[in-house]
Amino acid sequence: MPSPQTADVRAIWDSMMQVLAPPAGIPEYRTGWNEMCSAFPVPVDTVIESVDAGGVPSLLVTAADATTEKIVLWVHSGGYVFGSANSYRSFASAVSAASASQVLMIEYRLAPENVYPAAHDDVQSAYQYLLDQGREPKNIVLGGDSAGGGIVTGAFLRMRDRGIASPGGIVVVSPFADFTFTGESMEARAAVDPIGSRAMLEGLGGLYRNGESVGNPYLSSIYGDWKGAPPLLALVGTEEVLYDDAVRLVQKAAADGVDARLHLGEGQAHIWPIFSATLPEGEEAVALIGQFVKAVG
């Protein structure tokens, strides 16, 4: 049974949808999202540094008890067009604390100003930056949520195909991993998802795709070749239109021989772990991410 705080999260999403309603456009999306996330707390003992990660502006987040042995390169949500590293400081600090690792939150280039493959290029540049620092690939975990989950899985497949050493693991939350929108949950769960819809995903995602084939596995990673990939953890709420994206991503990776795991947030909506400061299920999900990061590599 979902906790009482789940209703509070849904109320936050309802307020956000009012901000995003027409005639609001991309500027309002960006402002509204950053204002919502600015209310999330960041522990005072978390160290946050601005870094240039291979030409990609980023935040290096280190919780009080985190070490430098491992690092999580995280790609934030925002439908490819909004969101920021700064807006994810709270979530990054929570992941850093749970995993006892550093988190590199990258400020990848957004659409429509920057179209495919700009964000994918930025992930590769930041990953190469970590390698150039002397970090072992096995001690790097790639992560992302929503559009960020789609970007990071696609970027991984592209880097693997280019001969770049694979990370120790990959973790995604509510991944946007299918630009063909063929998952049954796109319709079956539309009435219970408080923020996501096929129309919204097609509209926002299309600004980044910019005419690229919807079947491109670097955009629709559920169609990629996952053979030889490192362990994968996917988390998705049961009340998400993106539910089937996560399920099919794990199924495809598992069929290709990957240690692929799926965690379902019962009664949870889109990217619920970002609300971990006040949502018990979010705290549980972040703890699970932390355990995964500690175990891989």
C-alpha atoms as a PDB file:
ATOM      1  CA  MET A   1       0.000   0.000   0.000  1.00  0.00           C
ATOM      2  CA  PRO A   2       1.487   3.358  -0.983  1.00  0.00           C
ATOM      3  CA  SER A   3       2.419   5.668   1.878  1.00  0.00           C
ATOM      4  CA  PRO A   4       0.260   8.734   2.650  1.00  0.00           C
ATOM      5  CA  GLN A   5       3.069  10.910   1.272  1.00  0.00           C
ATOM      6  CA  THR A   6       2.352   9.488  -2.177  1.00  0.00           C
ATOM      7  CA  ALA A   7      -0.705  11.736  -2.336  1.00  0.00           C
ATOM      8  CA  ASP A   8       1.512  14.728  -1.569  1.00  0.00           C
ATOM      9  CA  VAL A   9       3.760  13.863  -4.505  1.00  0.00           C
ATOM     10  CA  ARG A  10       0.767  13.589  -6.794  1.00  0.00           C
ATOM     11  CA  ALA A  11      -0.361  17.030  -5.609  1.00  0.00           C
ATOM     12  CA  ILE A  12       3.063  18.413  -6.543  1.00  0.00           C
ATOM     13  CA  TRP A  13       2.733  16.880 -10.001  1.00  0.00           C
ATOM     14  CA  ASP A  14      -0.767  18.338 -10.341  1.00  0.00           C
ATOM     15  CA  SER A  15       0.631  21.784  -9.571  1.00  0.00           C
ATOM     16  CA  MET A  16       3.411  21.261 -12.085  1.00  0.00           C
ATOM     17  CA  MET A  17       0.914  20.291 -14.779  1.00  0.00           C
ATOM     18  CA  GLN A  18      -0.907  23.567 -14.187  1.00  0.00           C
ATOM     19  CA  VAL A  19       2.381  25.378 -14.834  1.00  0.00           C
ATOM     20  CA  LEU A  20       2.941  23.369 -18.014  1.00  0.00           C
ATOM     21  CA  ALA A  21      -0.586  23.830 -19.358  1.00  0.00           C
ATOM     22  CA  PRO A  22      -1.041  25.903 -22.547  1.00  0.00           C
ATOM     23  CA  PRO A  23      -0.173  28.607 -23.344  1.00  0.00           C
ATOM     24  CA  ALA A  24       2.963  27.785 -21.343  1.00  0.00           C
ATOM     25  CA  GLY A  25       5.998  26.963 -23.443  1.00  0.00           C
ATOM     26  CA  ILE A  26       9.572  25.854 -22.959  1.00  0.00           C
ATOM     27  CA  PRO A  27      10.654  28.902 -20.887  1.00  0.00           C
ATOM     28  CA  GLU A  28       7.822  28.218 -18.428  1.00  0.00           C
ATOM     29  CA  TYR A  29       8.689  24.498 -18.387  1.00  0.00           C
ATOM     30  CA  ARG A  30      12.263  25.298 -17.439  1.00  0.00           C
ATOM     31  CA  THR A  31      11.381  27.868 -14.799  1.00  0.00           C
ATOM     32  CA  GLY A  32       8.611  25.770 -13.248  1.00  0.00           C
ATOM     33  CA  TRP A  33      10.773  22.656 -13.009  1.00  0.00           C
ATOM     34  CA  ASN A  34      13.688  24.464 -11.410  1.00  0.00           C
ATOM     35  CA  GLU A  35      11.390  26.174  -8.914  1.00  0.00           C
ATOM     36  CA  MET A  36       9.819  22.845  -7.929  1.00  0.00           C
ATOM     37  CA  CYS A  37      13.184  21.170  -7.400  1.00  0.00           C
ATOM     38  CA  SER A  38      14.628  24.136  -5.511  1.00  0.00           C
ATOM     39  CA  ALA A  39      12.395  23.175  -2.583  1.00  0.00           C
ATOM     40  CA  PHE A  40      14.154  19.823  -2.180  1.00  0.00           C
ATOM     41  CA  PRO A  41      16.693  19.911   0.692  1.00  0.00           C
ATOM     42  CA  VAL A  42      20.447  19.472   0.347  1.00  0.00           C
ATOM     43  CA  PRO A  43      22.347  18.396   3.491  1.00  0.00           C
ATOM     44  CA  VAL A  44      24.665  21.128   4.709  1.00  0.00           C
ATOM     45  CA  ASP A  45      27.606  18.706   4.859  1.00  0.00           C
ATOM     46  CA  THR A  46      27.332  17.801   1.169  1.00  0.00           C
ATOM     47  CA  VAL A  47      30.156  19.232  -0.931  1.00  0.00           C
ATOM     48  CA  ILE A  48      29.090  20.485  -4.362  1.00  0.00           C
ATOM     49  CA  GLU A  49      31.734  21.631  -6.815  1.00  0.00           C
ATOM     50  CA  SER A  50      31.427  23.017 -10.330  1.00  0.00           C
ATOM     51  CA  VAL A  51      33.633  21.113 -12.770  1.00  0.00           C
ATOM     52  CA  ASP A  52      34.328  21.125 -16.489  1.00  0.00           C
ATOM     53  CA  ALA A  53      33.842  17.488 -17.446  1.00  0.00           C
ATOM     54  CA  GLY A  54      35.460  17.348 -20.851  1.00  0.00           C
ATOM     55  CA  GLY A  55      33.723  20.522 -21.953  1.00  0.00           C
ATOM     56  CA  VAL A  56      30.438  19.621 -20.237  1.00  0.00           C
ATOM     57  CA  PRO A  57      29.539  21.889 -17.295  1.00  0.00           C
ATOM     58  CA  SER A  58      28.793  19.617 -14.361  1.00  0.00           C
ATOM     59  CA  LEU A  59      28.390  19.420 -10.608  1.00  0.00           C
ATOM     60  CA  LEU A  60      30.533  17.015  -8.594  1.00  0.00           C
ATOM     61  CA  VAL A  61      28.479  16.060  -5.546  1.00  0.00           C
ATOM     62  CA  THR A  62      30.094  14.373  -2.552  1.00  0.00           C
ATOM     63  CA  ALA A  63      28.068  13.422   0.520  1.00  0.00           C
ATOM     64  CA  ALA A  64      29.660  13.529   3.965  1.00  0.00           C
ATOM     65  CA  ASP A  65      30.641   9.842   4.107  1.00  0.00           C
ATOM     66  CA  ALA A  66      31.254   9.312   0.375  1.00  0.00           C
ATOM     67  CA  THR A  67      34.624   8.184  -0.933  1.00  0.00           C
ATOM     68  CA  THR A  68      36.281   8.836  -4.279  1.00  0.00           C
ATOM     69  CA  GLU A  69      36.565   5.127  -5.136  1.00  0.00           C
ATOM     70  CA  LYS A  70      33.394   5.087  -7.232  1.00  0.00           C
ATOM     71  CA  ILE A  71      31.458   7.719  -9.118  1.00  0.00           C
ATOM     72  CA  VAL A  72      27.984   7.835 -10.628  1.00  0.00           C
ATOM     73  CA  LEU A  73      27.601   9.859 -13.822  1.00  0.00           C
ATOM     74  CA  TRP A  74      23.943  10.912 -13.757  1.00  0.00           C
ATOM     75  CA  VAL A  75      21.834  12.340 -16.595  1.00  0.00           C
ATOM     76  CA  HIS A  76      18.810  14.277 -15.317  1.00  0.00           C
ATOM     77  CA  SER A  77      15.221  14.168 -16.510  1.00  0.00           C
ATOM     78  CA  GLY A  78      13.262  16.881 -18.331  1.00  0.00           C
ATOM     79  CA  GLY A  79      11.883  15.530 -21.584  1.00  0.00           C
ATOM     80  CA  TYR A  80      15.109  16.505 -23.379  1.00  0.00           C
ATOM     81  CA  VAL A  81      14.174  20.201 -23.126  1.00  0.00           C
ATOM     82  CA  PHE A  82      14.238  21.226 -19.438  1.00  0.00           C
ATOM     83  CA  GLY A  83      15.856  20.296 -16.140  1.00  0.00           C
ATOM     84  CA  SER A  84      19.366  21.092 -14.949  1.00  0.00           C
ATOM     85  CA  ALA A  85      22.256  19.791 -12.903  1.00  0.00           C
ATOM     86  CA  ASN A  86      21.503  22.456 -10.303  1.00  0.00           C
ATOM     87  CA  SER A  87      17.898  21.302  -9.936  1.00  0.00           C
ATOM     88  CA  TYR A  88      19.154  17.781  -9.133  1.00  0.00           C
ATOM     89  CA  ARG A  89      21.483  18.728  -6.277  1.00  0.00           C
ATOM     90  CA  SER A  90      19.170  17.171  -3.680  1.00  0.00           C
ATOM     91  CA  PHE A  91      18.757  13.910  -5.557  1.00  0.00           C
ATOM     92  CA  ALA A  92      22.479  13.742  -6.325  1.00  0.00           C
ATOM     93  CA  SER A  93      23.323  14.245  -2.656  1.00  0.00           C
ATOM     94  CA  ALA A  94      20.905  11.457  -1.703  1.00  0.00           C
ATOM     95  CA  VAL A  95      22.438   9.048  -4.231  1.00  0.00           C
ATOM     96  CA  SER A  96      25.941  10.007  -3.112  1.00  0.00           C
ATOM     97  CA  ALA A  97      25.070   9.296   0.514  1.00  0.00           C
ATOM     98  CA  ALA A  98      23.301   6.004  -0.267  1.00  0.00           C
ATOM     99  CA  SER A  99      26.108   4.720  -2.494  1.00  0.00           C
ATOM    100  CA  ALA A 100      29.023   6.229  -0.535  1.00  0.00           C
ATOM    101  CA  SER A 101      30.192   7.440  -3.946  1.00  0.00           C
ATOM    102  CA  GLN A 102      30.589  10.721  -5.725  1.00  0.00           C
ATOM    103  CA  VAL A 103      27.951  11.811  -8.243  1.00  0.00           C
ATOM    104  CA  LEU A 104      28.766  13.751 -11.392  1.00  0.00           C
ATOM    105  CA  MET A 105      25.577  15.529 -12.468  1.00  0.00           C
ATOM    106  CA  ILE A 106      26.097  16.748 -16.009  1.00  0.00           C
ATOM    107  CA  GLU A 107      24.589  19.834 -17.635  1.00  0.00           C
ATOM    108  CA  TYR A 108      23.971  18.285 -21.018  1.00  0.00           C
ATOM    109  CA  ARG A 109      22.764  20.457 -23.866  1.00  0.00           C
ATOM    110  CA  LEU A 110      18.994  20.734 -24.163  1.00  0.00           C
ATOM    111  CA  ALA A 111      16.633  20.689 -27.130  1.00  0.00           C
ATOM    112  CA  PRO A 112      15.353  22.405 -29.166  1.00  0.00           C
ATOM    113  CA  GLU A 113      18.504  24.517 -29.220  1.00  0.00           C
ATOM    114  CA  ASN A 114      20.572  21.320 -29.449  1.00  0.00           C
ATOM    115  CA  VAL A 115      19.249  18.236 -31.211  1.00  0.00           C
ATOM    116  CA  TYR A 116      20.338  14.608 -31.483  1.00  0.00           C
ATOM    117  CA  PRO A 117      23.082  13.574 -30.856  1.00  0.00           C
ATOM    118  CA  ALA A 118      24.137  16.555 -28.701  1.00  0.00           C
ATOM    119  CA  ALA A 119      23.108  15.084 -25.337  1.00  0.00           C
ATOM    120  CA  HIS A 120      24.615  11.710 -26.264  1.00  0.00           C
ATOM    121  CA  ASP A 121      27.851  13.457 -27.208  1.00  0.00           C
ATOM    122  CA  ASP A 122      27.887  15.203 -23.833  1.00  0.00           C
ATOM    123  CA  VAL A 123      27.521  11.916 -21.952  1.00  0.00           C
ATOM    124  CA  GLN A 124      30.424  10.471 -23.913  1.00  0.00           C
ATOM    125  CA  SER A 125      32.567  13.566 -23.292  1.00  0.00           C
ATOM    126  CA  ALA A 126      31.895  13.464 -19.551  1.00  0.00           C
ATOM    127  CA  TYR A 127      32.542   9.713 -19.398  1.00  0.00           C
ATOM    128  CA  GLN A 128      35.813  10.130 -21.277  1.00  0.00           C
ATOM    129  CA  TYR A 129      36.728  12.906 -18.840  1.00  0.00           C
ATOM    130  CA  LEU A 130      36.381  10.448 -15.962  1.00  0.00           C
ATOM    131  CA  LEU A 131      38.522   7.900 -17.783  1.00  0.00           C
ATOM    132  CA  ASP A 132      41.135  10.559 -18.518  1.00  0.00           C
ATOM    133  CA  GLN A 133      41.247  11.308 -14.799  1.00  0.00           C
ATOM    134  CA  GLY A 134      42.499   7.779 -14.308  1.00  0.00           C
ATOM    135  CA  ARG A 135      39.268   6.322 -13.001  1.00  0.00           C
ATOM    136  CA  GLU A 136      38.767   2.634 -13.680  1.00  0.00           C
ATOM    137  CA  PRO A 137      35.730   1.957 -15.903  1.00  0.00           C
ATOM    138  CA  LYS A 138      34.501  -0.653 -13.414  1.00  0.00           C
ATOM    139  CA  ASN A 139      34.286   2.090 -10.772  1.00  0.00           C
ATOM    140  CA  ILE A 140      32.007   4.277 -12.901  1.00  0.00           C
ATOM    141  CA  VAL A 141      28.235   3.752 -12.919  1.00  0.00           C
ATOM    142  CA  LEU A 142      26.075   5.421 -15.556  1.00  0.00           C
ATOM    143  CA  GLY A 143      22.652   6.583 -14.415  1.00  0.00           C
ATOM    144  CA  GLY A 144      19.717   8.613 -15.604  1.00  0.00           C
ATOM    145  CA  ASP A 145      16.011   9.176 -15.132  1.00  0.00           C
ATOM    146  CA  SER A 146      13.183   9.683 -17.628  1.00  0.00           C
ATOM    147  CA  ALA A 147      14.673  11.282 -20.752  1.00  0.00           C
ATOM    148  CA  GLY A 148      18.020  11.043 -18.973  1.00  0.00           C
ATOM    149  CA  GLY A 149      17.503   7.287 -18.743  1.00  0.00           C
ATOM    150  CA  GLY A 150      16.969   7.111 -22.471  1.00  0.00           C
ATOM    151  CA  ILE A 151      19.989   9.293 -23.135  1.00  0.00           C
ATOM    152  CA  VAL A 152      22.316   7.338 -20.874  1.00  0.00           C
ATOM    153  CA  THR A 153      21.306   3.899 -22.156  1.00  0.00           C
ATOM    154  CA  GLY A 154      21.587   5.039 -25.764  1.00  0.00           C
ATOM    155  CA  ALA A 155      24.903   6.749 -25.081  1.00  0.00           C
ATOM    156  CA  PHE A 156      26.205   3.570 -23.461  1.00  0.00           C
ATOM    157  CA  LEU A 157      25.286   1.473 -26.504  1.00  0.00           C
ATOM    158  CA  ARG A 158      26.920   3.991 -28.817  1.00  0.00           C
ATOM    159  CA  MET A 159      30.094   4.172 -26.731  1.00  0.00           C
ATOM    160  CA  ARG A 160      30.256   0.375 -26.527  1.00  0.00           C
ATOM    161  CA  ASP A 161      29.897   0.177 -30.308  1.00  0.00           C
ATOM    162  CA  ARG A 162      32.741   2.673 -30.640  1.00  0.00           C
ATOM    163  CA  GLY A 163      35.051   0.499 -28.564  1.00  0.00           C
ATOM    164  CA  ILE A 164      35.003   2.571 -25.378  1.00  0.00           C
ATOM    165  CA  ALA A 165      35.424   0.567 -22.180  1.00  0.00           C
ATOM    166  CA  SER A 166      32.142  -0.238 -20.436  1.00  0.00           C
ATOM    167  CA  PRO A 167      31.253   1.092 -16.976  1.00  0.00           C
ATOM    168  CA  GLY A 168      30.709  -1.110 -13.956  1.00  0.00           C
ATOM    169  CA  GLY A 169      26.944  -0.787 -14.135  1.00  0.00           C
ATOM    170  CA  ILE A 170      23.947   1.160 -15.412  1.00  0.00           C
ATOM    171  CA  VAL A 171      20.919   2.330 -13.421  1.00  0.00           C
ATOM    172  CA  VAL A 172      17.847   4.038 -14.824  1.00  0.00           C
ATOM    173  CA  VAL A 173      14.641   5.380 -13.307  1.00  0.00           C
ATOM    174  CA  SER A 174      11.458   5.630 -15.391  1.00  0.00           C
ATOM    175  CA  PRO A 175      13.481   5.489 -18.631  1.00  0.00           C
ATOM    176  CA  PHE A 176      12.121   7.038 -21.837  1.00  0.00           C
ATOM    177  CA  ALA A 177      13.506   4.233 -23.982  1.00  0.00           C
ATOM    178  CA  ASP A 178      11.138   3.812 -26.939  1.00  0.00           C
ATOM    179  CA  PHE A 179      10.450   6.542 -29.467  1.00  0.00           C
ATOM    180  CA  THR A 180       8.009   4.250 -31.291  1.00  0.00           C
ATOM    181  CA  PHE A 181       5.649   4.492 -28.286  1.00  0.00           C
ATOM    182  CA  THR A 182       4.436   0.927 -28.749  1.00  0.00           C
ATOM    183  CA  GLY A 183       4.262  -0.034 -25.067  1.00  0.00           C
ATOM    184  CA  GLU A 184       0.760  -0.954 -23.917  1.00  0.00           C
ATOM    185  CA  SER A 185       1.179   1.240 -20.849  1.00  0.00           C
ATOM    186  CA  MET A 186       1.132   4.345 -23.069  1.00  0.00           C
ATOM    187  CA  GLU A 187      -2.641   3.908 -23.196  1.00  0.00           C
ATOM    188  CA  ALA A 188      -3.383   1.465 -20.382  1.00  0.00           C
ATOM    189  CA  ARG A 189      -1.835   3.647 -17.663  1.00  0.00           C
ATOM    190  CA  ALA A 190      -2.585   7.073 -19.122  1.00  0.00           C
ATOM    191  CA  ALA A 191      -5.489   7.665 -16.733  1.00  0.00           C
ATOM    192  CA  VAL A 192      -3.387   7.057 -13.597  1.00  0.00           C
ATOM    193  CA  ASP A 193      -0.168   8.810 -14.618  1.00  0.00           C
ATOM    194  CA  PRO A 194      -0.347  12.348 -13.173  1.00  0.00           C
ATOM    195  CA  ILE A 195       2.242  13.872 -15.490  1.00  0.00           C
ATOM    196  CA  GLY A 196       3.201  11.660 -18.425  1.00  0.00           C
ATOM    197  CA  SER A 197       1.300  11.120 -21.656  1.00  0.00           C
ATOM    198  CA  ARG A 198       2.101   9.897 -25.115  1.00  0.00           C
ATOM    199  CA  ALA A 199       1.326  13.331 -26.560  1.00  0.00           C
ATOM    200  CA  MET A 200       3.715  15.055 -24.167  1.00  0.00           C
ATOM    201  CA  LEU A 201       6.501  12.522 -24.747  1.00  0.00           C
ATOM    202  CA  GLU A 202       6.095  12.664 -28.510  1.00  0.00           C
ATOM    203  CA  GLY A 203       6.120  16.454 -28.483  1.00  0.00           C
ATOM    204  CA  LEU A 204       9.100  16.962 -26.210  1.00  0.00           C
ATOM    205  CA  GLY A 205      11.088  13.980 -27.459  1.00  0.00           C
ATOM    206  CA  GLY A 206      10.481  15.004 -31.037  1.00  0.00           C
ATOM    207  CA  LEU A 207      12.288  18.276 -30.427  1.00  0.00           C
ATOM    208  CA  TYR A 208      15.438  16.310 -29.648  1.00  0.00           C
ATOM    209  CA  ARG A 209      14.935  13.514 -32.199  1.00  0.00           C
ATOM    210  CA  ASN A 210      14.687  16.121 -34.970  1.00  0.00           C
ATOM    211  CA  GLY A 211      13.682  13.649 -37.676  1.00  0.00           C
ATOM    212  CA  GLU A 212      16.063  10.860 -36.646  1.00  0.00           C
ATOM    213  CA  SER A 213      14.575   7.372 -37.069  1.00  0.00           C
ATOM    214  CA  VAL A 214      12.407   6.340 -34.122  1.00  0.00           C
ATOM    215  CA  GLY A 215      13.967   2.878 -34.369  1.00  0.00           C
ATOM    216  CA  ASN A 216      17.506   4.165 -33.858  1.00  0.00           C
ATOM    217  CA  PRO A 217      18.699   2.011 -30.912  1.00  0.00           C
ATOM    218  CA  TYR A 218      20.674   4.935 -29.528  1.00  0.00           C
ATOM    219  CA  LEU A 219      17.344   6.744 -29.096  1.00  0.00           C
ATOM    220  CA  SER A 220      15.112   3.705 -28.509  1.00  0.00           C
ATOM    221  CA  SER A 221      17.455   1.594 -26.418  1.00  0.00           C
ATOM    222  CA  ILE A 222      14.931  -1.234 -25.983  1.00  0.00           C
ATOM    223  CA  TYR A 223      15.880  -2.161 -29.563  1.00  0.00           C
ATOM    224  CA  GLY A 224      19.627  -2.145 -28.928  1.00  0.00           C
ATOM    225  CA  ASP A 225      22.061  -5.047 -28.801  1.00  0.00           C
ATOM    226  CA  TRP A 226      22.810  -5.430 -25.092  1.00  0.00           C
ATOM    227  CA  LYS A 227      25.182  -8.388 -25.342  1.00  0.00           C
ATOM    228  CA  GLY A 228      28.195  -7.902 -23.111  1.00  0.00           C
ATOM    229  CA  ALA A 229      26.711  -4.984 -21.201  1.00  0.00           C
ATOM    230  CA  PRO A 230      27.365  -4.581 -17.454  1.00  0.00           C
ATOM    231  CA  PRO A 231      24.655  -5.147 -14.817  1.00  0.00           C
ATOM    232  CA  LEU A 232      21.542  -3.044 -15.333  1.00  0.00           C
ATOM    233  CA  LEU A 233      19.011  -1.878 -12.753  1.00  0.00           C
ATOM    234  CA  ALA A 234      15.772  -0.250 -13.885  1.00  0.00           C
ATOM    235  CA  LEU A 235      13.201   1.275 -11.554  1.00  0.00           C
ATOM    236  CA  VAL A 236       9.703   2.272 -12.653  1.00  0.00           C
ATOM    237  CA  GLY A 237       6.434   3.165 -10.945  1.00  0.00           C
ATOM    238  CA  THR A 238       3.352   1.060 -11.557  1.00  0.00           C
ATOM    239  CA  GLU A 239       1.379   4.208 -12.438  1.00  0.00           C
ATOM    240  CA  GLU A 240       3.523   5.381 -15.333  1.00  0.00           C
ATOM    241  CA  VAL A 241       2.903   5.469 -19.059  1.00  0.00           C
ATOM    242  CA  LEU A 242       6.627   4.620 -19.319  1.00  0.00           C
ATOM    243  CA  TYR A 243       6.103   1.401 -17.359  1.00  0.00           C
ATOM    244  CA  ASP A 244       6.532  -0.816 -20.413  1.00  0.00           C
ATOM    245  CA  ASP A 245       9.666   1.049 -21.537  1.00  0.00           C
ATOM    246  CA  ALA A 246      11.405  -0.084 -18.342  1.00  0.00           C
ATOM    247  CA  VAL A 247       9.964  -3.594 -18.453  1.00  0.00           C
ATOM    248  CA  ARG A 248      10.945  -4.168 -22.082  1.00  0.00           C
ATOM    249  CA  LEU A 249      14.391  -2.652 -21.581  1.00  0.00           C
ATOM    250  CA  VAL A 250      15.104  -5.158 -18.811  1.00  0.00           C
ATOM    251  CA  GLN A 251      13.607  -8.001 -20.833  1.00  0.00           C
ATOM    252  CA  LYS A 252      15.759  -7.166 -23.862  1.00  0.00           C
ATOM    253  CA  ALA A 253      18.936  -6.850 -21.818  1.00  0.00           C
ATOM    254  CA  ALA A 254      18.210 -10.093 -19.965  1.00  0.00           C
ATOM    255  CA  ALA A 255      17.536 -11.899 -23.239  1.00  0.00           C
ATOM    256  CA  ASP A 256      20.968 -10.712 -24.390  1.00  0.00           C
ATOM    257  CA  GLY A 257      22.593 -12.264 -21.336  1.00  0.00           C
ATOM    258  CA  VAL A 258      22.847  -9.198 -19.108  1.00  0.00           C
ATOM    259  CA  ASP A 259      22.330  -9.264 -15.345  1.00  0.00           C
ATOM    260  CA  ALA A 260      19.251  -7.049 -15.652  1.00  0.00           C
ATOM    261  CA  ARG A 261      16.974  -6.294 -12.722  1.00  0.00           C
ATOM    262  CA  LEU A 262      13.636  -4.510 -12.425  1.00  0.00           C
ATOM    263  CA  HIS A 263      12.270  -2.757  -9.355  1.00  0.00           C
ATOM    264  CA  LEU A 264       8.624  -1.722  -9.320  1.00  0.00           C
ATOM    265  CA  GLY A 265       7.465   1.237  -7.258  1.00  0.00           C
ATOM    266  CA  GLU A 266       3.995   0.057  -6.291  1.00  0.00           C
ATOM    267  CA  GLY A 267       1.501   2.880  -6.629  1.00  0.00           C
ATOM    268  CA  GLN A 268       4.245   5.311  -7.592  1.00  0.00           C
ATOM    269  CA  ALA A 269       4.265   7.841 -10.386  1.00  0.00           C
ATOM    270  CA  HIS A 270       7.025   9.167 -12.606  1.00  0.00           C
ATOM    271  CA  ILE A 271      10.597   9.457 -11.194  1.00  0.00           C
ATOM    272  CA  TRP A 272       9.362   9.132  -7.600  1.00  0.00           C
ATOM    273  CA  PRO A 273      12.924   8.672  -6.201  1.00  0.00           C
ATOM    274  CA  ILE A 274      13.639  12.397  -6.657  1.00  0.00           C
ATOM    275  CA  PHE A 275      11.181  12.981  -3.792  1.00  0.00           C
ATOM    276  CA  SER A 276      13.236  10.797  -1.433  1.00  0.00           C
ATOM    277  CA  ALA A 277      13.546  13.548   1.198  1.00  0.00           C
ATOM    278  CA  THR A 278       9.842  13.278   2.059  1.00  0.00           C
ATOM    279  CA  LEU A 279       8.577  10.113   0.325  1.00  0.00           C
ATOM    280  CA  PRO A 280       9.343   6.768   2.030  1.00  0.00           C
ATOM    281  CA  GLU A 281       9.164   4.883  -1.256  1.00  0.00           C
ATOM    282  CA  GLY A 282      11.573   7.392  -2.759  1.00  0.00           C
ATOM    283  CA  GLU A 283      13.999   6.860   0.109  1.00  0.00           C
ATOM    284  CA  GLU A 284      13.718   3.096  -0.397  1.00  0.00           C
ATOM    285  CA  ALA A 285      14.429   3.471  -4.117  1.00  0.00           C
ATOM    286  CA  VAL A 286      17.503   5.631  -3.502  1.00  0.00           C
ATOM    287  CA  ALA A 287      18.764   3.063  -0.997  1.00  0.00           C
ATOM    288  CA  LEU A 288      18.341   0.377  -3.652  1.00  0.00           C
ATOM    289  CA  ILE A 289      20.308   2.476  -6.144  1.00  0.00           C
ATOM    290  CA  GLY A 290      23.008   2.886  -3.523  1.00  0.00           C
ATOM    291  CA  GLN A 291      23.202  -0.857  -2.921  1.00  0.00           C
ATOM    292  CA  PHE A 292      23.475  -1.474  -6.647  1.00  0.00           C
ATOM    293  CA  VAL A 293      26.313   1.029  -7.054  1.00  0.00           C
ATOM    294  CA  LYS A 294      28.211  -0.516  -4.160  1.00  0.00           C
ATOM    295  CA  ALA A 295      27.791  -4.041  -5.532  1.00  0.00           C
ATOM    296  CA  VAL A 296      28.826  -3.575  -9.181  1.00  0.00           C
ATOM    297  CA  GLY A 297      32.278  -3.178 -10.631  1.00  0.00           C
END
